PDB file of N, CA and C in Angstrom:
ATOM      1  N   LYS A   1     110.165  89.531 129.307  1.00  0.00           N
ATOM      2  CA  LYS A   1     108.876  89.025 128.733  1.00  0.00           C
ATOM      3  C   LYS A   1     107.795  89.954 128.360  1.00  0.00           C
ATOM      4  N   SER A   2     107.541  91.014 129.114  1.00  0.00           N
ATOM      5  CA  SER A   2     106.733  91.717 129.148  1.00  0.00           C
ATOM      6  C   SER A   2     106.880  92.773 127.755  1.00  0.00           C
ATOM      7  N   MET A   3     108.028  93.254 127.449  1.00  0.00           N
ATOM      8  CA  MET A   3     108.386  93.990 126.521  1.00  0.00           C
ATOM      9  C   MET A   3     108.287  93.016 125.017  1.00  0.00           C
ATOM     10  N   LEU A   4     108.499  91.854 125.142  1.00  0.00           N
ATOM     11  CA  LEU A   4     108.218  90.929 123.878  1.00  0.00           C
ATOM     12  C   LEU A   4     106.691  91.083 123.654  1.00  0.00           C
ATOM     13  N   PHE A   5     105.890  90.749 124.796  1.00  0.00           N
ATOM     14  CA  PHE A   5     104.572  90.708 124.733  1.00  0.00           C
ATOM     15  C   PHE A   5     103.971  92.122 124.030  1.00  0.00           C
ATOM     16  N   LEU A   6     104.319  93.107 124.706  1.00  0.00           N
ATOM     17  CA  LEU A   6     104.230  94.507 124.274  1.00  0.00           C
ATOM     18  C   LEU A   6     104.229  94.668 122.670  1.00  0.00           C
ATOM     19  N   GLY A   7     105.541  94.176 122.311  1.00  0.00           N
ATOM     20  CA  GLY A   7     105.946  94.364 120.935  1.00  0.00           C
ATOM     21  C   GLY A   7     105.091  93.436 120.008  1.00  0.00           C
ATOM     22  N   PHE A   8     104.623  92.377 120.314  1.00  0.00           N
ATOM     23  CA  PHE A   8     103.729  91.356 119.767  1.00  0.00           C
ATOM     24  C   PHE A   8     102.208  92.241 119.687  1.00  0.00           C
ATOM     25  N   LEU A   9     101.860  92.665 120.740  1.00  0.00           N
ATOM     26  CA  LEU A   9     100.595  93.425 120.655  1.00  0.00           C
ATOM     27  C   LEU A   9     100.469  94.411 119.696  1.00  0.00           C
ATOM     28  N   LEU A  10     101.671  95.285 119.746  1.00  0.00           N
ATOM     29  CA  LEU A  10     101.578  96.318 118.686  1.00  0.00           C
ATOM     30  C   LEU A  10     101.588  95.925 117.512  1.00  0.00           C
ATOM     31  N   VAL A  11     102.312  94.936 116.932  1.00  0.00           N
ATOM     32  CA  VAL A  11     102.266  94.406 115.714  1.00  0.00           C
ATOM     33  C   VAL A  11     101.026  93.940 115.294  1.00  0.00           C
ATOM     34  N   LEU A  12     100.505  93.257 116.267  1.00  0.00           N
ATOM     35  CA  LEU A  12      98.979  92.479 116.011  1.00  0.00           C
ATOM     36  C   LEU A  12      97.958  93.730 115.680  1.00  0.00           C
ATOM     37  N   LEU A  13      98.026  94.756 116.733  1.00  0.00           N
ATOM     38  CA  LEU A  13      97.115  95.808 116.510  1.00  0.00           C
ATOM     39  C   LEU A  13      97.302  96.463 115.179  1.00  0.00           C
ATOM     40  N   GLY A  14      98.571  96.714 114.698  1.00  0.00           N
ATOM     41  CA  GLY A  14      98.854  97.338 113.548  1.00  0.00           C
ATOM     42  C   GLY A  14      98.305  96.752 112.256  1.00  0.00           C
ATOM     43  N   LEU A  15      98.179  95.323 112.394  1.00  0.00           N
ATOM     44  CA  LEU A  15      97.819  94.615 111.363  1.00  0.00           C
ATOM     45  C   LEU A  15      96.173  94.208 111.340  1.00  0.00           C
ATOM     46  N   ALA A  16      95.639  94.656 112.496  1.00  0.00           N
ATOM     47  CA  ALA A  16      94.264  94.416 112.635  1.00  0.00           C
ATOM     48  C   ALA A  16      93.632  95.850 112.143  1.00  0.00           C
ATOM     49  N   LEU A  17      94.135  97.179 112.503  1.00  0.00           N
ATOM     50  CA  LEU A  17      93.607  98.521 112.140  1.00  0.00           C
ATOM     51  C   LEU A  17      93.561  98.529 110.666  1.00  0.00           C
ATOM     52  N   PRO A  18      92.737  99.324 109.861  1.00  0.00           N
ATOM     53  CA  PRO A  18      92.544  99.296 108.507  1.00  0.00           C
ATOM     54  C   PRO A  18      93.472 100.631 108.338  1.00  0.00           C
ATOM     55  N   GLY A  19      94.228 100.625 107.246  1.00  0.00           N
ATOM     56  CA  GLY A  19      94.959 101.597 106.650  1.00  0.00           C
ATOM     57  C   GLY A  19      94.448 102.830 106.343  1.00  0.00           C
ATOM     58  N   THR A  20      94.881 104.356 106.845  1.00  0.00           N
ATOM     59  CA  THR A  20      94.118 105.151 106.249  1.00  0.00           C
ATOM     60  C   THR A  20      95.063 105.920 105.100  1.00  0.00           C
ATOM     61  N   GLN A  21      96.179 105.390 105.195  1.00  0.00           N
ATOM     62  CA  GLN A  21      97.303 106.012 103.958  1.00  0.00           C
ATOM     63  C   GLN A  21      97.158 104.993 102.740  1.00  0.00           C
ATOM     64  N   GLY A  22      96.840 105.772 101.810  1.00  0.00           N
ATOM     65  CA  GLY A  22      96.818 104.827 100.475  1.00  0.00           C
ATOM     66  C   GLY A  22      98.278 104.834  99.956  1.00  0.00           C
ATOM     67  N   LYS A  23      98.212 104.541  98.742  1.00  0.00           N
ATOM     68  CA  LYS A  23      99.430 104.442  97.830  1.00  0.00           C
ATOM     69  C   LYS A  23      99.986 105.975  97.555  1.00  0.00           C
ATOM     70  N   VAL A  24     101.068 106.292  98.235  1.00  0.00           N
ATOM     71  CA  VAL A  24     101.840 107.413  97.840  1.00  0.00           C
ATOM     72  C   VAL A  24     102.731 107.335  96.605  1.00  0.00           C
ATOM     73  N   ILE A  25     102.287 107.844  95.518  1.00  0.00           N
ATOM     74  CA  ILE A  25     102.841 107.470  94.023  1.00  0.00           C
ATOM     75  C   ILE A  25     104.234 108.417  94.136  1.00  0.00           C
ATOM     76  N   PRO A  26     105.324 107.785  93.966  1.00  0.00           N
ATOM     77  CA  PRO A  26     106.276 108.468  93.632  1.00  0.00           C
ATOM     78  C   PRO A  26     106.321 109.489  92.544  1.00  0.00           C
ATOM     79  N   ARG A  27     107.070 110.727  92.796  1.00  0.00           N
ATOM     80  CA  ARG A  27     106.909 111.656  91.662  1.00  0.00           C
ATOM     81  C   ARG A  27     107.307 111.394  90.217  1.00  0.00           C
ATOM     82  N   CYS A  28     108.335 110.560  89.999  1.00  0.00           N
ATOM     83  CA  CYS A  28     108.559 110.030  88.639  1.00  0.00           C
ATOM     84  C   CYS A  28     107.735 109.149  88.030  1.00  0.00           C
ATOM     85  N   GLU A  29     106.978 108.202  89.116  1.00  0.00           N
ATOM     86  CA  GLU A  29     106.071 107.354  88.462  1.00  0.00           C
ATOM     87  C   GLU A  29     104.832 108.081  88.059  1.00  0.00           C
ATOM     88  N   MET A  30     104.452 109.313  88.917  1.00  0.00           N
ATOM     89  CA  MET A  30     103.342 109.980  88.468  1.00  0.00           C
ATOM     90  C   MET A  30     103.584 110.741  87.456  1.00  0.00           C
ATOM     91  N   VAL A  31     104.683 111.245  86.904  1.00  0.00           N
ATOM     92  CA  VAL A  31     105.003 111.959  85.840  1.00  0.00           C
ATOM     93  C   VAL A  31     104.745 111.054  84.622  1.00  0.00           C
ATOM     94  N   ARG A  32     105.232 109.611  84.755  1.00  0.00           N
ATOM     95  CA  ARG A  32     104.967 108.723  83.610  1.00  0.00           C
ATOM     96  C   ARG A  32     103.468 108.522  83.295  1.00  0.00           C
ATOM     97  N   ILE A  33     102.826 108.381  84.433  1.00  0.00           N
ATOM     98  CA  ILE A  33     101.194 108.193  84.427  1.00  0.00           C
ATOM     99  C   ILE A  33     100.503 109.338  83.773  1.00  0.00           C
ATOM    100  N   LEU A  34     100.727 110.261  84.128  1.00  0.00           N
ATOM    101  CA  LEU A  34     100.119 111.649  83.651  1.00  0.00           C
ATOM    102  C   LEU A  34     100.702 111.557  81.917  1.00  0.00           C
ATOM    103  N   ARG A  35     101.937 111.503  81.534  1.00  0.00           N
ATOM    104  CA  ARG A  35     102.317 111.727  80.213  1.00  0.00           C
ATOM    105  C   ARG A  35     101.587 110.432  79.536  1.00  0.00           C
ATOM    106  N   ARG A  36     101.515 109.212  79.890  1.00  0.00           N
ATOM    107  CA  ARG A  36     100.804 108.084  79.408  1.00  0.00           C
ATOM    108  C   ARG A  36      99.389 108.293  79.198  1.00  0.00           C
ATOM    109  N   HIS A  37      98.432 109.124  80.239  1.00  0.00           N
ATOM    110  CA  HIS A  37      97.201 109.359  79.939  1.00  0.00           C
ATOM    111  C   HIS A  37      97.059 110.691  79.183  1.00  0.00           C
ATOM    112  N   GLY A  38      98.059 111.196  78.637  1.00  0.00           N
ATOM    113  CA  GLY A  38      97.776 112.402  77.576  1.00  0.00           C
ATOM    114  C   GLY A  38      97.589 113.838  78.529  1.00  0.00           C
ATOM    115  N   PHE A  39      98.176 113.975  79.334  1.00  0.00           N
ATOM    116  CA  PHE A  39      97.985 115.134  80.127  1.00  0.00           C
ATOM    117  C   PHE A  39      98.806 116.300  79.638  1.00  0.00           C
ATOM    118  N   GLU A  40      99.826 116.079  79.126  1.00  0.00           N
ATOM    119  CA  GLU A  40     100.755 116.943  78.500  1.00  0.00           C
ATOM    120  C   GLU A  40      99.988 117.847  77.274  1.00  0.00           C
ATOM    121  N   GLY A  41      99.828 119.006  77.579  1.00  0.00           N
ATOM    122  CA  GLY A  41      99.116 119.759  76.373  1.00  0.00           C
ATOM    123  C   GLY A  41      97.500 119.563  76.527  1.00  0.00           C
ATOM    124  N   PHE A  42      97.087 118.836  77.375  1.00  0.00           N
ATOM    125  CA  PHE A  42      95.519 118.637  77.773  1.00  0.00           C
ATOM    126  C   PHE A  42      94.941 120.060  78.233  1.00  0.00           C
ATOM    127  N   VAL A  43      93.883 120.540  77.294  1.00  0.00           N
ATOM    128  CA  VAL A  43      93.253 121.784  77.605  1.00  0.00           C
ATOM    129  C   VAL A  43      94.299 122.775  78.011  1.00  0.00           C
ATOM    130  N   GLY A  44      95.347 122.902  77.327  1.00  0.00           N
ATOM    131  CA  GLY A  44      96.128 124.063  77.651  1.00  0.00           C
ATOM    132  C   GLY A  44      97.125 123.948  78.955  1.00  0.00           C
ATOM    133  N   THR A  45      97.118 122.759  79.564  1.00  0.00           N
ATOM    134  CA  THR A  45      97.925 122.461  80.689  1.00  0.00           C
ATOM    135  C   THR A  45      99.134 121.637  80.474  1.00  0.00           C
ATOM    136  N   THR A  46     100.170 121.480  81.306  1.00  0.00           N
ATOM    137  CA  THR A  46     101.388 120.784  81.051  1.00  0.00           C
ATOM    138  C   THR A  46     101.354 119.651  82.273  1.00  0.00           C
ATOM    139  N   VAL A  47     102.237 118.670  81.941  1.00  0.00           N
ATOM    140  CA  VAL A  47     102.288 117.527  83.133  1.00  0.00           C
ATOM    141  C   VAL A  47     102.805 118.413  84.530  1.00  0.00           C
ATOM    142  N   ALA A  48     103.607 119.364  84.386  1.00  0.00           N
ATOM    143  CA  ALA A  48     104.036 120.001  85.550  1.00  0.00           C
ATOM    144  C   ALA A  48     103.035 120.739  86.240  1.00  0.00           C
ATOM    145  N   ASP A  49     101.932 121.186  85.230  1.00  0.00           N
ATOM    146  CA  ASP A  49     100.749 121.925  86.062  1.00  0.00           C
ATOM    147  C   ASP A  49      99.973 120.764  86.792  1.00  0.00           C
ATOM    148  N   TRP A  50      99.888 119.680  86.280  1.00  0.00           N
ATOM    149  CA  TRP A  50      99.173 118.582  86.914  1.00  0.00           C
ATOM    150  C   TRP A  50      99.985 118.056  88.279  1.00  0.00           C
ATOM    151  N   MET A  51     101.226 118.005  87.734  1.00  0.00           N
ATOM    152  CA  MET A  51     102.205 117.479  89.012  1.00  0.00           C
ATOM    153  C   MET A  51     102.082 118.418  90.239  1.00  0.00           C
ATOM    154  N   CYS A  52     101.933 119.600  90.062  1.00  0.00           N
ATOM    155  CA  CYS A  52     101.718 120.868  91.062  1.00  0.00           C
ATOM    156  C   CYS A  52     100.322 120.559  91.901  1.00  0.00           C
ATOM    157  N   LEU A  53      99.538 120.276  90.873  1.00  0.00           N
ATOM    158  CA  LEU A  53      97.989 119.985  91.476  1.00  0.00           C
ATOM    159  C   LEU A  53      97.951 118.787  92.345  1.00  0.00           C
ATOM    160  N   VAL A  54      98.506 117.909  91.905  1.00  0.00           N
ATOM    161  CA  VAL A  54      98.553 116.590  92.586  1.00  0.00           C
ATOM    162  C   VAL A  54      99.320 116.769  93.864  1.00  0.00           C
ATOM    163  N   LYS A  55     100.378 117.428  93.963  1.00  0.00           N
ATOM    164  CA  LYS A  55     101.458 117.393  94.893  1.00  0.00           C
ATOM    165  C   LYS A  55     100.584 118.155  96.181  1.00  0.00           C
ATOM    166  N   TYR A  56      99.902 119.456  95.754  1.00  0.00           N
ATOM    167  CA  TYR A  56      99.511 120.240  96.811  1.00  0.00           C
ATOM    168  C   TYR A  56      98.071 119.818  97.196  1.00  0.00           C
ATOM    169  N   GLU A  57      97.295 119.050  96.420  1.00  0.00           N
ATOM    170  CA  GLU A  57      95.936 118.678  96.506  1.00  0.00           C
ATOM    171  C   GLU A  57      96.081 117.362  97.392  1.00  0.00           C
ATOM    172  N   SER A  58      97.000 116.547  97.207  1.00  0.00           N
ATOM    173  CA  SER A  58      96.820 115.122  97.958  1.00  0.00           C
ATOM    174  C   SER A  58      98.283 114.871  98.504  1.00  0.00           C
ATOM    175  N   GLY A  59      99.156 115.403  98.081  1.00  0.00           N
ATOM    176  CA  GLY A  59     100.592 114.769  98.451  1.00  0.00           C
ATOM    177  C   GLY A  59     101.022 113.422  97.775  1.00  0.00           C
ATOM    178  N   TYR A  60     100.194 113.303  96.618  1.00  0.00           N
ATOM    179  CA  TYR A  60     100.448 111.976  95.744  1.00  0.00           C
ATOM    180  C   TYR A  60      99.724 110.818  96.422  1.00  0.00           C
ATOM    181  N   ASN A  61      98.853 110.991  97.424  1.00  0.00           N
ATOM    182  CA  ASN A  61      98.139 109.842  98.136  1.00  0.00           C
ATOM    183  C   ASN A  61      97.135 109.623  97.719  1.00  0.00           C
ATOM    184  N   THR A  62      96.843 108.403  96.968  1.00  0.00           N
ATOM    185  CA  THR A  62      95.472 107.772  96.573  1.00  0.00           C
ATOM    186  C   THR A  62      94.433 107.827  97.301  1.00  0.00           C
ATOM    187  N   LYS A  63      94.522 107.901  98.706  1.00  0.00           N
ATOM    188  CA  LYS A  63      93.400 107.673  99.381  1.00  0.00           C
ATOM    189  C   LYS A  63      93.175 109.301 100.359  1.00  0.00           C
ATOM    190  N   ALA A  64      93.713 110.238  99.689  1.00  0.00           N
ATOM    191  CA  ALA A  64      93.496 111.754 100.356  1.00  0.00           C
ATOM    192  C   ALA A  64      91.960 112.016 100.396  1.00  0.00           C
ATOM    193  N   TYR A  65      91.578 112.563 101.434  1.00  0.00           N
ATOM    194  CA  TYR A  65      90.271 112.915 101.791  1.00  0.00           C
ATOM    195  C   TYR A  65      90.265 114.189 102.563  1.00  0.00           C
ATOM    196  N   ASN A  66      89.502 115.094 102.199  1.00  0.00           N
ATOM    197  CA  ASN A  66      89.286 116.407 102.927  1.00  0.00           C
ATOM    198  C   ASN A  66      87.927 116.835 103.023  1.00  0.00           C
ATOM    199  N   ASP A  67      87.580 117.141 104.213  1.00  0.00           N
ATOM    200  CA  ASP A  67      86.238 117.586 104.679  1.00  0.00           C
ATOM    201  C   ASP A  67      86.071 119.136 104.412  1.00  0.00           C
ATOM    202  N   ASN A  68      85.137 119.516 103.452  1.00  0.00           N
ATOM    203  CA  ASN A  68      84.960 121.013 103.312  1.00  0.00           C
ATOM    204  C   ASN A  68      83.782 121.576 104.110  1.00  0.00           C
ATOM    205  N   GLY A  69      82.925 120.670 104.857  1.00  0.00           N
ATOM    206  CA  GLY A  69      81.902 121.118 105.615  1.00  0.00           C
ATOM    207  C   GLY A  69      80.648 120.656 104.838  1.00  0.00           C
ATOM    208  N   PRO A  70      80.165 121.241 103.888  1.00  0.00           N
ATOM    209  CA  PRO A  70      79.155 120.723 103.083  1.00  0.00           C
ATOM    210  C   PRO A  70      79.316 119.699 102.050  1.00  0.00           C
ATOM    211  N   SER A  71      80.623 119.660 101.603  1.00  0.00           N
ATOM    212  CA  SER A  71      81.266 118.590 100.529  1.00  0.00           C
ATOM    213  C   SER A  71      82.340 118.340 101.016  1.00  0.00           C
ATOM    214  N   ARG A  72      83.021 117.260 100.311  1.00  0.00           N
ATOM    215  CA  ARG A  72      84.283 116.578 100.561  1.00  0.00           C
ATOM    216  C   ARG A  72      85.007 116.409  99.085  1.00  0.00           C
ATOM    217  N   ASP A  73      86.265 116.309  99.425  1.00  0.00           N
ATOM    218  CA  ASP A  73      87.074 116.166  98.386  1.00  0.00           C
ATOM    219  C   ASP A  73      87.921 114.512  98.363  1.00  0.00           C
ATOM    220  N   TYR A  74      87.936 113.921  97.258  1.00  0.00           N
ATOM    221  CA  TYR A  74      88.328 112.471  97.389  1.00  0.00           C
ATOM    222  C   TYR A  74      89.422 112.444  96.461  1.00  0.00           C
ATOM    223  N   GLY A  75      90.486 111.436  96.743  1.00  0.00           N
ATOM    224  CA  GLY A  75      91.439 110.954  95.950  1.00  0.00           C
ATOM    225  C   GLY A  75      92.590 111.723  95.627  1.00  0.00           C
ATOM    226  N   ILE A  76      93.677 111.495  94.688  1.00  0.00           N
ATOM    227  CA  ILE A  76      94.737 112.056  94.407  1.00  0.00           C
ATOM    228  C   ILE A  76      94.478 113.389  93.704  1.00  0.00           C
ATOM    229  N   PHE A  77      93.358 113.484  93.057  1.00  0.00           N
ATOM    230  CA  PHE A  77      92.964 114.844  92.325  1.00  0.00           C
ATOM    231  C   PHE A  77      92.160 115.684  93.153  1.00  0.00           C
ATOM    232  N   GLN A  78      91.752 114.870  94.531  1.00  0.00           N
ATOM    233  CA  GLN A  78      90.940 115.740  95.373  1.00  0.00           C
ATOM    234  C   GLN A  78      89.550 116.376  94.492  1.00  0.00           C
ATOM    235  N   ILE A  79      88.698 115.300  94.064  1.00  0.00           N
ATOM    236  CA  ILE A  79      87.498 115.586  93.202  1.00  0.00           C
ATOM    237  C   ILE A  79      86.515 115.821  94.386  1.00  0.00           C
ATOM    238  N   ASN A  80      85.663 116.765  94.154  1.00  0.00           N
ATOM    239  CA  ASN A  80      84.713 117.370  94.853  1.00  0.00           C
ATOM    240  C   ASN A  80      83.322 116.633  94.643  1.00  0.00           C
ATOM    241  N   SER A  81      82.713 116.225  95.942  1.00  0.00           N
ATOM    242  CA  SER A  81      81.406 115.591  95.924  1.00  0.00           C
ATOM    243  C   SER A  81      80.299 116.386  95.711  1.00  0.00           C
ATOM    244  N   LYS A  82      80.228 117.830  95.644  1.00  0.00           N
ATOM    245  CA  LYS A  82      79.386 118.596  95.307  1.00  0.00           C
ATOM    246  C   LYS A  82      78.894 118.467  93.721  1.00  0.00           C
ATOM    247  N   TYR A  83      79.877 118.403  92.988  1.00  0.00           N
ATOM    248  CA  TYR A  83      79.761 118.611  91.544  1.00  0.00           C
ATOM    249  C   TYR A  83      80.113 117.305  90.494  1.00  0.00           C
ATOM    250  N   TRP A  84      81.036 116.469  91.352  1.00  0.00           N
ATOM    251  CA  TRP A  84      81.797 115.284  90.452  1.00  0.00           C
ATOM    252  C   TRP A  84      81.396 113.957  90.838  1.00  0.00           C
ATOM    253  N   CYS A  85      81.420 113.722  92.063  1.00  0.00           N
ATOM    254  CA  CYS A  85      81.256 112.374  92.507  1.00  0.00           C
ATOM    255  C   CYS A  85      80.157 112.015  93.449  1.00  0.00           C
ATOM    256  N   ASN A  86      79.653 111.153  93.730  1.00  0.00           N
ATOM    257  CA  ASN A  86      78.439 110.784  94.767  1.00  0.00           C
ATOM    258  C   ASN A  86      78.971 109.983  96.004  1.00  0.00           C
ATOM    259  N   ASP A  87      78.710 110.776  96.932  1.00  0.00           N
ATOM    260  CA  ASP A  87      79.269 110.043  98.312  1.00  0.00           C
ATOM    261  C   ASP A  87      77.979 109.810  98.948  1.00  0.00           C
ATOM    262  N   GLY A  88      77.035 109.976  98.536  1.00  0.00           N
ATOM    263  CA  GLY A  88      75.753 109.615  99.132  1.00  0.00           C
ATOM    264  C   GLY A  88      75.101 110.599 100.326  1.00  0.00           C
ATOM    265  N   ARG A  89      75.874 111.331 100.567  1.00  0.00           N
ATOM    266  CA  ARG A  89      75.769 112.422 101.583  1.00  0.00           C
ATOM    267  C   ARG A  89      75.789 114.022 101.529  1.00  0.00           C
ATOM    268  N   THR A  90      76.304 114.455 100.251  1.00  0.00           N
ATOM    269  CA  THR A  90      76.288 115.810  99.994  1.00  0.00           C
ATOM    270  C   THR A  90      75.076 116.172  99.307  1.00  0.00           C
ATOM    271  N   ALA A  91      74.381 117.121 100.107  1.00  0.00           N
ATOM    272  CA  ALA A  91      73.291 117.574  99.302  1.00  0.00           C
ATOM    273  C   ALA A  91      73.208 118.251  98.025  1.00  0.00           C
ATOM    274  N   GLY A  92      72.395 117.928  97.232  1.00  0.00           N
ATOM    275  CA  GLY A  92      72.364 118.855  95.817  1.00  0.00           C
ATOM    276  C   GLY A  92      73.544 118.279  94.793  1.00  0.00           C
ATOM    277  N   ALA A  93      74.089 117.168  95.274  1.00  0.00           N
ATOM    278  CA  ALA A  93      75.374 116.869  94.639  1.00  0.00           C
ATOM    279  C   ALA A  93      74.940 116.690  92.970  1.00  0.00           C
ATOM    280  N   LYS A  94      75.531 116.838  92.102  1.00  0.00           N
ATOM    281  CA  LYS A  94      75.534 116.851  90.709  1.00  0.00           C
ATOM    282  C   LYS A  94      75.945 115.418  90.019  1.00  0.00           C
ATOM    283  N   ASP A  95      77.324 114.839  90.658  1.00  0.00           N
ATOM    284  CA  ASP A  95      77.617 113.551  90.106  1.00  0.00           C
ATOM    285  C   ASP A  95      77.947 113.629  88.849  1.00  0.00           C
ATOM    286  N   ALA A  96      78.639 114.643  88.198  1.00  0.00           N
ATOM    287  CA  ALA A  96      79.040 114.957  86.786  1.00  0.00           C
ATOM    288  C   ALA A  96      79.779 113.860  86.278  1.00  0.00           C
ATOM    289  N   CYS A  97      80.565 112.983  87.169  1.00  0.00           N
ATOM    290  CA  CYS A  97      81.464 111.941  86.484  1.00  0.00           C
ATOM    291  C   CYS A  97      81.002 110.727  86.679  1.00  0.00           C
ATOM    292  N   HIS A  98      79.590 110.662  87.151  1.00  0.00           N
ATOM    293  CA  HIS A  98      79.029 109.375  87.353  1.00  0.00           C
ATOM    294  C   HIS A  98      79.790 108.307  87.969  1.00  0.00           C
ATOM    295  N   ILE A  99      80.395 108.613  89.315  1.00  0.00           N
ATOM    296  CA  ILE A  99      81.094 107.680  89.957  1.00  0.00           C
ATOM    297  C   ILE A  99      80.877 107.881  91.571  1.00  0.00           C
ATOM    298  N   SER A 100      80.744 106.771  92.058  1.00  0.00           N
ATOM    299  CA  SER A 100      81.054 106.812  93.682  1.00  0.00           C
ATOM    300  C   SER A 100      82.177 107.358  94.092  1.00  0.00           C
ATOM    301  N   CYS A 101      82.132 108.721  94.817  1.00  0.00           N
ATOM    302  CA  CYS A 101      83.331 108.986  95.602  1.00  0.00           C
ATOM    303  C   CYS A 101      84.372 107.939  96.158  1.00  0.00           C
ATOM    304  N   SER A 102      83.828 107.032  96.739  1.00  0.00           N
ATOM    305  CA  SER A 102      84.683 105.746  97.237  1.00  0.00           C
ATOM    306  C   SER A 102      85.577 105.139  96.247  1.00  0.00           C
ATOM    307  N   LYS A 103      85.199 105.267  95.302  1.00  0.00           N
ATOM    308  CA  LYS A 103      86.122 104.622  94.175  1.00  0.00           C
ATOM    309  C   LYS A 103      87.184 105.541  93.928  1.00  0.00           C
ATOM    310  N   LEU A 104      87.160 106.675  94.320  1.00  0.00           N
ATOM    311  CA  LEU A 104      88.372 107.725  93.982  1.00  0.00           C
ATOM    312  C   LEU A 104      89.438 107.440  95.231  1.00  0.00           C
ATOM    313  N   LEU A 105      89.140 106.673  96.169  1.00  0.00           N
ATOM    314  CA  LEU A 105      90.023 106.270  97.289  1.00  0.00           C
ATOM    315  C   LEU A 105      90.732 104.991  97.364  1.00  0.00           C
ATOM    316  N   ASN A 106      90.878 104.428  95.997  1.00  0.00           N
ATOM    317  CA  ASN A 106      91.733 103.169  96.047  1.00  0.00           C
ATOM    318  C   ASN A 106      92.929 103.551  95.127  1.00  0.00           C
ATOM    319  N   ASP A 107      93.921 102.433  95.157  1.00  0.00           N
ATOM    320  CA  ASP A 107      95.147 102.630  94.501  1.00  0.00           C
ATOM    321  C   ASP A 107      95.153 102.860  93.097  1.00  0.00           C
ATOM    322  N   ASN A 108      93.878 102.226  92.201  1.00  0.00           N
ATOM    323  CA  ASN A 108      93.859 102.416  90.853  1.00  0.00           C
ATOM    324  C   ASN A 108      93.267 103.768  90.576  1.00  0.00           C
ATOM    325  N   ILE A 109      93.970 104.425  90.051  1.00  0.00           N
ATOM    326  CA  ILE A 109      93.741 105.955  89.607  1.00  0.00           C
ATOM    327  C   ILE A 109      92.892 106.030  88.219  1.00  0.00           C
ATOM    328  N   GLU A 110      92.586 105.053  87.547  1.00  0.00           N
ATOM    329  CA  GLU A 110      92.223 105.041  86.193  1.00  0.00           C
ATOM    330  C   GLU A 110      90.838 105.903  86.191  1.00  0.00           C
ATOM    331  N   ASP A 111      90.105 105.744  87.301  1.00  0.00           N
ATOM    332  CA  ASP A 111      88.674 106.339  87.221  1.00  0.00           C
ATOM    333  C   ASP A 111      88.900 107.723  87.560  1.00  0.00           C
ATOM    334  N   ASP A 112      89.928 108.030  88.558  1.00  0.00           N
ATOM    335  CA  ASP A 112      90.334 109.239  88.841  1.00  0.00           C
ATOM    336  C   ASP A 112      90.705 110.349  87.740  1.00  0.00           C
ATOM    337  N   ILE A 113      91.563 109.636  87.001  1.00  0.00           N
ATOM    338  CA  ILE A 113      92.123 110.246  85.719  1.00  0.00           C
ATOM    339  C   ILE A 113      91.037 110.652  84.901  1.00  0.00           C
ATOM    340  N   ARG A 114      89.875 110.005  84.550  1.00  0.00           N
ATOM    341  CA  ARG A 114      88.749 109.868  83.640  1.00  0.00           C
ATOM    342  C   ARG A 114      88.033 111.206  84.180  1.00  0.00           C
ATOM    343  N   CYS A 115      87.935 111.380  85.474  1.00  0.00           N
ATOM    344  CA  CYS A 115      87.044 112.425  85.923  1.00  0.00           C
ATOM    345  C   CYS A 115      87.811 113.657  85.958  1.00  0.00           C
ATOM    346  N   ALA A 116      89.177 113.635  86.584  1.00  0.00           N
ATOM    347  CA  ALA A 116      90.190 114.606  86.462  1.00  0.00           C
ATOM    348  C   ALA A 116      89.924 115.334  85.096  1.00  0.00           C
ATOM    349  N   LYS A 117      90.044 114.601  84.005  1.00  0.00           N
ATOM    350  CA  LYS A 117      90.202 115.207  82.578  1.00  0.00           C
ATOM    351  C   LYS A 117      88.834 115.688  82.238  1.00  0.00           C
ATOM    352  N   LYS A 118      87.803 115.003  82.598  1.00  0.00           N
ATOM    353  CA  LYS A 118      86.505 115.613  82.568  1.00  0.00           C
ATOM    354  C   LYS A 118      86.369 116.915  83.194  1.00  0.00           C
ATOM    355  N   ILE A 119      86.978 117.112  84.318  1.00  0.00           N
ATOM    356  CA  ILE A 119      86.605 118.314  84.967  1.00  0.00           C
ATOM    357  C   ILE A 119      87.456 119.550  84.399  1.00  0.00           C
ATOM    358  N   ALA A 120      88.771 119.147  84.047  1.00  0.00           N
ATOM    359  CA  ALA A 120      89.527 120.006  83.357  1.00  0.00           C
ATOM    360  C   ALA A 120      88.827 120.533  81.885  1.00  0.00           C
ATOM    361  N   GLN A 121      88.320 119.631  81.028  1.00  0.00           N
ATOM    362  CA  GLN A 121      87.804 119.848  79.927  1.00  0.00           C
ATOM    363  C   GLN A 121      86.594 120.485  80.161  1.00  0.00           C
ATOM    364  N   GLU A 122      85.802 120.533  80.896  1.00  0.00           N
ATOM    365  CA  GLU A 122      84.533 121.311  81.059  1.00  0.00           C
ATOM    366  C   GLU A 122      84.920 122.497  81.480  1.00  0.00           C
ATOM    367  N   ALA A 123      85.964 122.720  82.364  1.00  0.00           N
ATOM    368  CA  ALA A 123      86.392 124.147  82.635  1.00  0.00           C
ATOM    369  C   ALA A 123      87.332 124.894  81.956  1.00  0.00           C
ATOM    370  N   HIS A 124      87.784 124.094  80.766  1.00  0.00           N
ATOM    371  CA  HIS A 124      89.060 124.674  79.967  1.00  0.00           C
ATOM    372  C   HIS A 124      90.265 124.747  80.841  1.00  0.00           C
ATOM    373  N   GLY A 125      90.331 124.175  81.761  1.00  0.00           N
ATOM    374  CA  GLY A 125      91.731 124.109  82.515  1.00  0.00           C
ATOM    375  C   GLY A 125      91.618 123.791  83.993  1.00  0.00           C
ATOM    376  N   LEU A 126      92.341 124.330  84.865  1.00  0.00           N
ATOM    377  CA  LEU A 126      92.325 123.628  86.225  1.00  0.00           C
ATOM    378  C   LEU A 126      91.728 124.794  87.101  1.00  0.00           C
ATOM    379  N   THR A 127      91.010 125.709  86.615  1.00  0.00           N
ATOM    380  CA  THR A 127      90.283 126.674  87.802  1.00  0.00           C
ATOM    381  C   THR A 127      89.414 125.824  88.681  1.00  0.00           C
ATOM    382  N   PRO A 128      88.710 124.747  88.429  1.00  0.00           N
ATOM    383  CA  PRO A 128      87.966 124.150  89.595  1.00  0.00           C
ATOM    384  C   PRO A 128      88.916 123.718  90.944  1.00  0.00           C
ATOM    385  N   TRP A 129      90.060 123.690  90.675  1.00  0.00           N
ATOM    386  CA  TRP A 129      90.962 123.372  91.813  1.00  0.00           C
ATOM    387  C   TRP A 129      91.358 124.512  92.449  1.00  0.00           C
TER     388      TRP A 129
END
């Protein structure tokens, strides 16, 4: 009986805790998303370049987050709060994509894509990453 209660308790606890893991987009699906959004040839990059970036920046995880000390990186493209999004805590933030950083941590990556393309367009490539 105690093992059954412990199992029930663990399941209940698992349901009550918020998930820290976002959607991990499968590689083939990510390729399709990038192609559909015009990343092939965008500012001299390839879908393969972007796949490499997404793999090593976030592991294809939509809720990836990295604290860099004075700034933070958010979402599948690891967009930085110092220049591109507003997290309400990074001093001197520019918010060039005019977006709340928290919006980059959900499973809908449409806004992440718009901001990543803006970053790449302004930098003429992937050097900000």
